[in-house]
Amino acid sequence: MTVKTVTVHVETRGNTDILDITNDVIEAVLQTGISNGIANVFSPSATSAITTIEYENGCLKDLKRLFDEIIDPTREYAHNARWGDGNGHSHVRAALLGPSFTVPVVDGRLTLGTWQQIIFVDFDIRPRRRKLIVQVIGD
């Protein structure tokens, strides 16, 4: 069994910016040369998350609206009171969605569904240059 790691960088606008990173992950898997195993995409950030969705405008608007409804950015957050940085909601949103996603790799390809893309969501309140770690384990 082999473990290989590839770093991917993305530029975001913040404020629930949703990026389709599927092609970045496909390229990372190809770089590893691993044909069969699993690929894990991890965001080393406390204010961003990774999941899947059908990457189309309606789904993206629905996801953003859902986060505004359940984790309102205008609510008071203890994190903001302590640090004064105004991104308490960003931390809670990221914790709810999670920092990683794992997908099987079969014959060198991600086994995603037809309408399934891997997305990176930056919940922080300002633009960022983010680093993502793609670790592929297999043969």
N, C-alpha and C. Protein backbone atom coordinates (compact mmCIF):
# COMPACT_ATOMS: atom_id res chain seq x y z
N MET A 1 0.84 -1.18 0.00
CA MET A 1 0.00 0.00 0.00
C MET A 1 0.89 1.24 0.00
N THR A 2 0.47 2.22 -0.78
CA THR A 2 1.22 3.46 -0.93
C THR A 2 0.37 4.63 -0.43
N VAL A 3 1.04 5.62 0.16
CA VAL A 3 0.38 6.86 0.57
C VAL A 3 1.12 8.01 -0.08
N LYS A 4 0.38 8.83 -0.84
CA LYS A 4 0.97 10.01 -1.48
C LYS A 4 0.11 11.22 -1.19
N THR A 5 0.79 12.35 -1.04
CA THR A 5 0.11 13.58 -0.66
C THR A 5 0.41 14.68 -1.66
N VAL A 6 -0.64 15.40 -2.06
CA VAL A 6 -0.53 16.51 -3.00
C VAL A 6 -1.20 17.73 -2.36
N THR A 7 -0.57 18.88 -2.47
CA THR A 7 -1.15 20.13 -1.96
C THR A 7 -1.77 20.91 -3.11
N VAL A 8 -2.97 21.41 -2.87
CA VAL A 8 -3.69 22.22 -3.85
C VAL A 8 -3.96 23.57 -3.21
N HIS A 9 -3.78 24.64 -3.97
CA HIS A 9 -4.08 25.99 -3.47
C HIS A 9 -5.27 26.57 -4.22
N VAL A 10 -6.14 27.26 -3.49
CA VAL A 10 -7.29 27.91 -4.10
C VAL A 10 -7.41 29.34 -3.55
N GLU A 11 -7.95 30.21 -4.37
CA GLU A 11 -8.23 31.59 -3.97
C GLU A 11 -9.73 31.72 -3.76
N THR A 12 -10.12 32.31 -2.63
CA THR A 12 -11.55 32.44 -2.34
C THR A 12 -11.93 33.90 -2.10
N ARG A 13 -13.24 34.13 -2.14
CA ARG A 13 -13.78 35.47 -1.83
C ARG A 13 -14.32 35.53 -0.41
N GLY A 14 -14.38 34.38 0.29
CA GLY A 14 -14.95 34.34 1.63
C GLY A 14 -16.46 34.46 1.60
N ASN A 15 -17.07 34.56 2.79
CA ASN A 15 -18.51 34.75 2.92
C ASN A 15 -19.32 33.67 2.21
N THR A 16 -19.02 32.42 2.53
CA THR A 16 -19.67 31.24 1.96
C THR A 16 -19.40 31.14 0.45
N ASP A 17 -18.19 31.41 0.05
CA ASP A 17 -17.76 31.22 -1.33
C ASP A 17 -17.64 29.72 -1.58
N ILE A 18 -18.29 29.23 -2.62
CA ILE A 18 -18.31 27.80 -2.92
C ILE A 18 -17.55 27.56 -4.22
N LEU A 19 -16.50 26.74 -4.13
CA LEU A 19 -15.67 26.43 -5.30
C LEU A 19 -15.80 24.96 -5.67
N ASP A 20 -15.91 24.68 -6.96
CA ASP A 20 -15.88 23.31 -7.45
C ASP A 20 -14.41 22.91 -7.56
N ILE A 21 -13.98 21.99 -6.71
CA ILE A 21 -12.57 21.56 -6.71
C ILE A 21 -12.40 20.16 -7.30
N THR A 22 -13.43 19.67 -7.96
CA THR A 22 -13.39 18.31 -8.50
C THR A 22 -12.18 18.11 -9.41
N ASN A 23 -11.98 19.01 -10.36
CA ASN A 23 -10.85 18.85 -11.29
C ASN A 23 -9.50 18.93 -10.58
N ASP A 24 -9.41 19.75 -9.54
CA ASP A 24 -8.17 19.82 -8.76
C ASP A 24 -7.88 18.48 -8.09
N VAL A 25 -8.93 17.83 -7.58
CA VAL A 25 -8.75 16.54 -6.92
C VAL A 25 -8.42 15.46 -7.95
N ILE A 26 -9.08 15.49 -9.09
CA ILE A 26 -8.78 14.53 -10.16
C ILE A 26 -7.31 14.65 -10.56
N GLU A 27 -6.84 15.87 -10.74
CA GLU A 27 -5.44 16.10 -11.12
C GLU A 27 -4.49 15.61 -10.03
N ALA A 28 -4.83 15.85 -8.79
CA ALA A 28 -3.99 15.39 -7.68
C ALA A 28 -3.90 13.87 -7.66
N VAL A 29 -5.02 13.20 -7.87
CA VAL A 29 -5.02 11.73 -7.90
C VAL A 29 -4.15 11.24 -9.05
N LEU A 30 -4.27 11.86 -10.21
CA LEU A 30 -3.44 11.46 -11.36
C LEU A 30 -1.96 11.64 -11.06
N GLN A 31 -1.61 12.72 -10.37
CA GLN A 31 -0.21 12.97 -10.02
C GLN A 31 0.38 11.87 -9.14
N THR A 32 -0.47 11.25 -8.33
CA THR A 32 0.04 10.22 -7.42
C THR A 32 0.34 8.91 -8.12
N GLY A 33 -0.31 8.66 -9.24
CA GLY A 33 -0.12 7.39 -9.94
C GLY A 33 -0.83 6.21 -9.28
N ILE A 34 -1.60 6.47 -8.25
CA ILE A 34 -2.32 5.39 -7.56
C ILE A 34 -3.60 5.08 -8.34
N SER A 35 -3.82 3.80 -8.62
CA SER A 35 -4.95 3.37 -9.44
C SER A 35 -6.18 2.97 -8.63
N ASN A 36 -5.96 2.36 -7.48
CA ASN A 36 -7.07 1.86 -6.68
C ASN A 36 -6.83 2.14 -5.21
N GLY A 37 -7.82 2.77 -4.58
CA GLY A 37 -7.69 3.10 -3.16
C GLY A 37 -8.71 4.15 -2.78
N ILE A 38 -8.29 5.10 -1.94
CA ILE A 38 -9.16 6.20 -1.54
C ILE A 38 -8.39 7.51 -1.63
N ALA A 39 -9.14 8.55 -1.93
CA ALA A 39 -8.59 9.91 -1.93
C ALA A 39 -9.31 10.70 -0.85
N ASN A 40 -8.56 11.31 0.03
CA ASN A 40 -9.13 12.15 1.07
C ASN A 40 -8.69 13.58 0.81
N VAL A 41 -9.66 14.49 0.80
CA VAL A 41 -9.39 15.92 0.63
C VAL A 41 -9.64 16.57 1.98
N PHE A 42 -8.65 17.30 2.49
CA PHE A 42 -8.72 17.89 3.82
C PHE A 42 -8.37 19.37 3.75
N SER A 43 -9.15 20.16 4.47
CA SER A 43 -8.88 21.60 4.59
C SER A 43 -8.35 21.90 5.98
N PRO A 44 -7.07 22.28 6.09
CA PRO A 44 -6.51 22.62 7.40
C PRO A 44 -6.91 24.05 7.78
N SER A 45 -8.19 24.23 8.04
CA SER A 45 -8.75 25.54 8.34
C SER A 45 -9.95 25.36 9.25
N ALA A 46 -10.12 26.25 10.19
CA ALA A 46 -11.27 26.18 11.10
C ALA A 46 -12.48 26.94 10.59
N THR A 47 -12.37 27.58 9.41
CA THR A 47 -13.49 28.35 8.88
C THR A 47 -13.84 27.95 7.44
N SER A 48 -13.49 26.73 7.06
CA SER A 48 -13.86 26.24 5.73
C SER A 48 -14.23 24.77 5.83
N ALA A 49 -14.82 24.25 4.75
CA ALA A 49 -15.31 22.87 4.77
C ALA A 49 -15.30 22.28 3.36
N ILE A 50 -15.46 20.95 3.31
CA ILE A 50 -15.48 20.24 2.04
C ILE A 50 -16.62 19.23 2.06
N THR A 51 -17.36 19.16 0.95
CA THR A 51 -18.44 18.18 0.80
C THR A 51 -18.71 18.00 -0.69
N THR A 52 -19.84 17.39 -1.02
CA THR A 52 -20.25 17.27 -2.41
C THR A 52 -21.62 17.89 -2.60
N ILE A 53 -21.89 18.25 -3.84
CA ILE A 53 -23.20 18.79 -4.23
C ILE A 53 -23.25 18.78 -5.75
N GLU A 54 -24.44 18.90 -6.30
CA GLU A 54 -24.53 19.17 -7.73
C GLU A 54 -24.18 20.64 -7.89
N TYR A 55 -23.08 20.92 -8.58
CA TYR A 55 -22.56 22.29 -8.68
C TYR A 55 -23.33 23.05 -9.76
N GLU A 56 -24.52 23.50 -9.38
CA GLU A 56 -25.33 24.34 -10.27
C GLU A 56 -25.92 25.46 -9.43
N ASN A 57 -26.23 26.57 -10.07
CA ASN A 57 -26.59 27.79 -9.34
C ASN A 57 -27.72 27.59 -8.34
N GLY A 58 -28.75 26.82 -8.69
CA GLY A 58 -29.86 26.62 -7.76
C GLY A 58 -29.42 25.93 -6.49
N CYS A 59 -28.66 24.85 -6.62
CA CYS A 59 -28.17 24.13 -5.43
C CYS A 59 -27.25 25.02 -4.59
N LEU A 60 -26.40 25.79 -5.27
CA LEU A 60 -25.48 26.65 -4.53
C LEU A 60 -26.23 27.72 -3.75
N LYS A 61 -27.24 28.34 -4.37
CA LYS A 61 -28.06 29.34 -3.67
C LYS A 61 -28.80 28.71 -2.50
N ASP A 62 -29.33 27.49 -2.71
CA ASP A 62 -30.04 26.80 -1.62
C ASP A 62 -29.12 26.52 -0.44
N LEU A 63 -27.90 26.08 -0.73
CA LEU A 63 -26.95 25.78 0.34
C LEU A 63 -26.59 27.05 1.12
N LYS A 64 -26.30 28.13 0.40
CA LYS A 64 -25.98 29.40 1.06
C LYS A 64 -27.16 29.88 1.92
N ARG A 65 -28.37 29.80 1.38
CA ARG A 65 -29.55 30.23 2.13
C ARG A 65 -29.74 29.39 3.38
N LEU A 66 -29.52 28.07 3.27
CA LEU A 66 -29.65 27.19 4.43
C LEU A 66 -28.70 27.61 5.54
N PHE A 67 -27.45 27.89 5.19
CA PHE A 67 -26.50 28.31 6.22
C PHE A 67 -26.91 29.64 6.84
N ASP A 68 -27.42 30.57 6.05
CA ASP A 68 -27.88 31.85 6.61
C ASP A 68 -29.06 31.63 7.56
N GLU A 69 -29.91 30.66 7.26
CA GLU A 69 -31.08 30.41 8.09
C GLU A 69 -30.72 29.70 9.40
N ILE A 70 -29.82 28.72 9.34
CA ILE A 70 -29.55 27.96 10.56
C ILE A 70 -28.38 28.50 11.38
N ILE A 71 -27.48 29.23 10.73
CA ILE A 71 -26.34 29.82 11.44
C ILE A 71 -26.21 31.27 10.97
N ASP A 72 -27.09 32.09 11.48
CA ASP A 72 -27.23 33.49 11.09
C ASP A 72 -25.96 34.27 11.44
N PRO A 73 -25.35 34.93 10.46
CA PRO A 73 -24.12 35.68 10.74
C PRO A 73 -24.33 36.91 11.63
N THR A 74 -25.58 37.37 11.76
CA THR A 74 -25.84 38.56 12.59
C THR A 74 -26.11 38.22 14.05
N ARG A 75 -26.23 36.95 14.36
CA ARG A 75 -26.44 36.51 15.74
C ARG A 75 -25.18 36.81 16.57
N GLU A 76 -25.32 36.88 17.88
CA GLU A 76 -24.15 37.07 18.74
C GLU A 76 -23.45 35.74 18.95
N TYR A 77 -22.13 35.76 18.83
CA TYR A 77 -21.31 34.56 19.03
C TYR A 77 -20.25 34.86 20.09
N ALA A 78 -20.06 33.93 21.01
CA ALA A 78 -19.08 34.09 22.08
C ALA A 78 -17.68 34.25 21.50
N HIS A 79 -17.40 33.59 20.38
CA HIS A 79 -16.10 33.72 19.72
C HIS A 79 -15.83 35.18 19.35
N ASN A 80 -16.84 35.84 18.82
CA ASN A 80 -16.68 37.25 18.43
C ASN A 80 -16.43 38.14 19.65
N ALA A 81 -17.12 37.83 20.75
CA ALA A 81 -16.93 38.61 21.98
C ALA A 81 -15.50 38.45 22.49
N ARG A 82 -14.96 37.25 22.37
CA ARG A 82 -13.61 37.00 22.87
C ARG A 82 -12.54 37.59 21.95
N TRP A 83 -12.68 37.37 20.63
CA TRP A 83 -11.62 37.74 19.70
C TRP A 83 -11.91 39.00 18.89
N GLY A 84 -13.17 39.40 18.79
CA GLY A 84 -13.52 40.62 18.07
C GLY A 84 -13.30 40.55 16.57
N ASP A 85 -13.25 39.33 16.02
CA ASP A 85 -12.95 39.24 14.59
C ASP A 85 -14.19 39.02 13.70
N GLY A 86 -15.36 38.87 14.30
CA GLY A 86 -16.60 38.82 13.53
C GLY A 86 -16.84 37.56 12.73
N ASN A 87 -16.05 36.50 12.96
CA ASN A 87 -16.25 35.29 12.16
C ASN A 87 -16.70 34.09 13.00
N GLY A 88 -17.36 34.34 14.10
CA GLY A 88 -17.85 33.25 14.94
C GLY A 88 -18.76 32.31 14.17
N HIS A 89 -19.63 32.88 13.34
CA HIS A 89 -20.53 32.04 12.54
C HIS A 89 -19.74 31.18 11.55
N SER A 90 -18.61 31.67 11.07
CA SER A 90 -17.79 30.92 10.12
C SER A 90 -17.27 29.64 10.75
N HIS A 91 -16.83 29.72 11.98
CA HIS A 91 -16.34 28.54 12.70
C HIS A 91 -17.44 27.50 12.91
N VAL A 92 -18.61 27.97 13.30
CA VAL A 92 -19.73 27.06 13.56
C VAL A 92 -20.18 26.39 12.26
N ARG A 93 -20.27 27.15 11.19
CA ARG A 93 -20.66 26.58 9.89
C ARG A 93 -19.66 25.52 9.44
N ALA A 94 -18.39 25.83 9.56
CA ALA A 94 -17.36 24.88 9.13
C ALA A 94 -17.41 23.60 9.97
N ALA A 95 -17.64 23.74 11.27
CA ALA A 95 -17.72 22.56 12.13
C ALA A 95 -18.91 21.69 11.77
N LEU A 96 -20.01 22.30 11.38
CA LEU A 96 -21.20 21.56 11.01
C LEU A 96 -20.99 20.75 9.73
N LEU A 97 -20.34 21.33 8.76
CA LEU A 97 -20.15 20.66 7.47
C LEU A 97 -18.96 19.71 7.48
N GLY A 98 -17.85 20.11 8.10
CA GLY A 98 -16.69 19.23 8.24
C GLY A 98 -15.54 19.57 7.30
N PRO A 99 -14.30 19.25 7.73
CA PRO A 99 -13.10 19.68 7.00
C PRO A 99 -12.60 18.71 5.93
N SER A 100 -13.28 17.55 5.74
CA SER A 100 -12.72 16.60 4.78
C SER A 100 -13.79 15.80 4.07
N PHE A 101 -13.36 15.18 2.97
CA PHE A 101 -14.23 14.32 2.17
C PHE A 101 -13.37 13.21 1.60
N THR A 102 -13.89 11.98 1.64
CA THR A 102 -13.16 10.83 1.12
C THR A 102 -13.97 10.19 0.00
N VAL A 103 -13.29 9.83 -1.08
CA VAL A 103 -13.96 9.18 -2.22
C VAL A 103 -13.09 8.01 -2.71
N PRO A 104 -13.71 6.88 -3.04
CA PRO A 104 -12.95 5.76 -3.58
C PRO A 104 -12.34 6.11 -4.95
N VAL A 105 -11.16 5.55 -5.19
CA VAL A 105 -10.50 5.67 -6.48
C VAL A 105 -10.46 4.27 -7.09
N VAL A 106 -11.02 4.11 -8.28
CA VAL A 106 -11.05 2.82 -8.97
C VAL A 106 -10.51 3.03 -10.39
N ASP A 107 -9.51 2.25 -10.73
CA ASP A 107 -8.86 2.36 -12.04
C ASP A 107 -8.40 3.80 -12.32
N GLY A 108 -7.89 4.46 -11.28
CA GLY A 108 -7.34 5.81 -11.42
C GLY A 108 -8.36 6.92 -11.50
N ARG A 109 -9.62 6.60 -11.28
CA ARG A 109 -10.69 7.61 -11.40
C ARG A 109 -11.47 7.73 -10.10
N LEU A 110 -11.91 8.94 -9.80
CA LEU A 110 -12.80 9.14 -8.65
C LEU A 110 -14.16 8.52 -8.97
N THR A 111 -14.78 7.89 -7.99
CA THR A 111 -16.06 7.23 -8.23
C THR A 111 -17.23 8.13 -7.83
N LEU A 112 -17.22 9.34 -8.35
CA LEU A 112 -18.30 10.29 -8.07
C LEU A 112 -19.50 9.98 -8.95
N GLY A 113 -20.68 10.34 -8.46
CA GLY A 113 -21.90 10.19 -9.25
C GLY A 113 -21.95 11.20 -10.37
N THR A 114 -22.87 11.00 -11.29
CA THR A 114 -22.99 11.84 -12.48
C THR A 114 -23.13 13.32 -12.14
N TRP A 115 -23.94 13.63 -11.14
CA TRP A 115 -24.20 15.03 -10.78
C TRP A 115 -23.51 15.43 -9.49
N GLN A 116 -22.45 14.76 -9.15
CA GLN A 116 -21.79 14.99 -7.86
C GLN A 116 -20.41 15.61 -8.08
N GLN A 117 -20.23 16.81 -7.56
CA GLN A 117 -18.94 17.46 -7.59
C GLN A 117 -18.45 17.67 -6.16
N ILE A 118 -17.12 17.75 -6.02
CA ILE A 118 -16.52 18.02 -4.71
C ILE A 118 -16.41 19.54 -4.59
N ILE A 119 -16.91 20.05 -3.47
CA ILE A 119 -16.86 21.51 -3.29
C ILE A 119 -16.08 21.88 -2.03
N PHE A 120 -15.44 23.02 -2.12
CA PHE A 120 -14.76 23.67 -1.00
C PHE A 120 -15.58 24.90 -0.66
N VAL A 121 -15.94 25.06 0.60
CA VAL A 121 -16.73 26.21 1.03
C VAL A 121 -15.91 27.02 2.02
N ASP A 122 -15.67 28.28 1.68
CA ASP A 122 -14.94 29.18 2.57
C ASP A 122 -15.96 30.06 3.28
N PHE A 123 -16.14 29.82 4.58
CA PHE A 123 -17.11 30.56 5.38
C PHE A 123 -16.52 31.82 6.00
N ASP A 124 -15.21 32.02 5.93
CA ASP A 124 -14.62 33.17 6.60
C ASP A 124 -15.15 34.46 5.98
N ILE A 125 -14.87 35.57 6.62
CA ILE A 125 -15.48 36.84 6.25
C ILE A 125 -14.64 37.68 5.29
N ARG A 126 -13.56 37.10 4.80
CA ARG A 126 -12.70 37.84 3.87
C ARG A 126 -12.07 36.88 2.87
N PRO A 127 -11.59 37.40 1.76
CA PRO A 127 -10.90 36.54 0.78
C PRO A 127 -9.66 35.90 1.40
N ARG A 128 -9.35 34.72 0.90
CA ARG A 128 -8.21 33.97 1.42
C ARG A 128 -7.52 33.18 0.32
N ARG A 129 -6.26 32.87 0.54
CA ARG A 129 -5.56 31.85 -0.24
C ARG A 129 -5.53 30.63 0.66
N ARG A 130 -6.22 29.57 0.24
CA ARG A 130 -6.37 28.38 1.05
C ARG A 130 -5.53 27.23 0.51
N LYS A 131 -5.08 26.40 1.43
CA LYS A 131 -4.33 25.20 1.08
C LYS A 131 -5.21 24.00 1.38
N LEU A 132 -5.29 23.09 0.42
CA LEU A 132 -6.01 21.83 0.60
C LEU A 132 -5.03 20.68 0.47
N ILE A 133 -5.21 19.67 1.28
CA ILE A 133 -4.36 18.49 1.25
C ILE A 133 -5.15 17.35 0.65
N VAL A 134 -4.62 16.77 -0.43
CA VAL A 134 -5.22 15.59 -1.04
C VAL A 134 -4.28 14.42 -0.75
N GLN A 135 -4.75 13.47 0.03
CA GLN A 135 -3.94 12.30 0.35
C GLN A 135 -4.61 11.08 -0.26
N VAL A 136 -3.83 10.35 -1.07
CA VAL A 136 -4.34 9.19 -1.77
C VAL A 136 -3.63 7.97 -1.19
N ILE A 137 -4.42 6.98 -0.80
CA ILE A 137 -3.92 5.75 -0.19
C ILE A 137 -4.38 4.58 -1.05
N GLY A 138 -3.44 3.75 -1.47
CA GLY A 138 -3.82 2.59 -2.28
C GLY A 138 -2.65 2.02 -3.04
N ASP A 139 -2.97 1.37 -4.13
CA ASP A 139 -1.98 0.72 -4.97
C ASP A 139 -2.00 1.27 -6.39
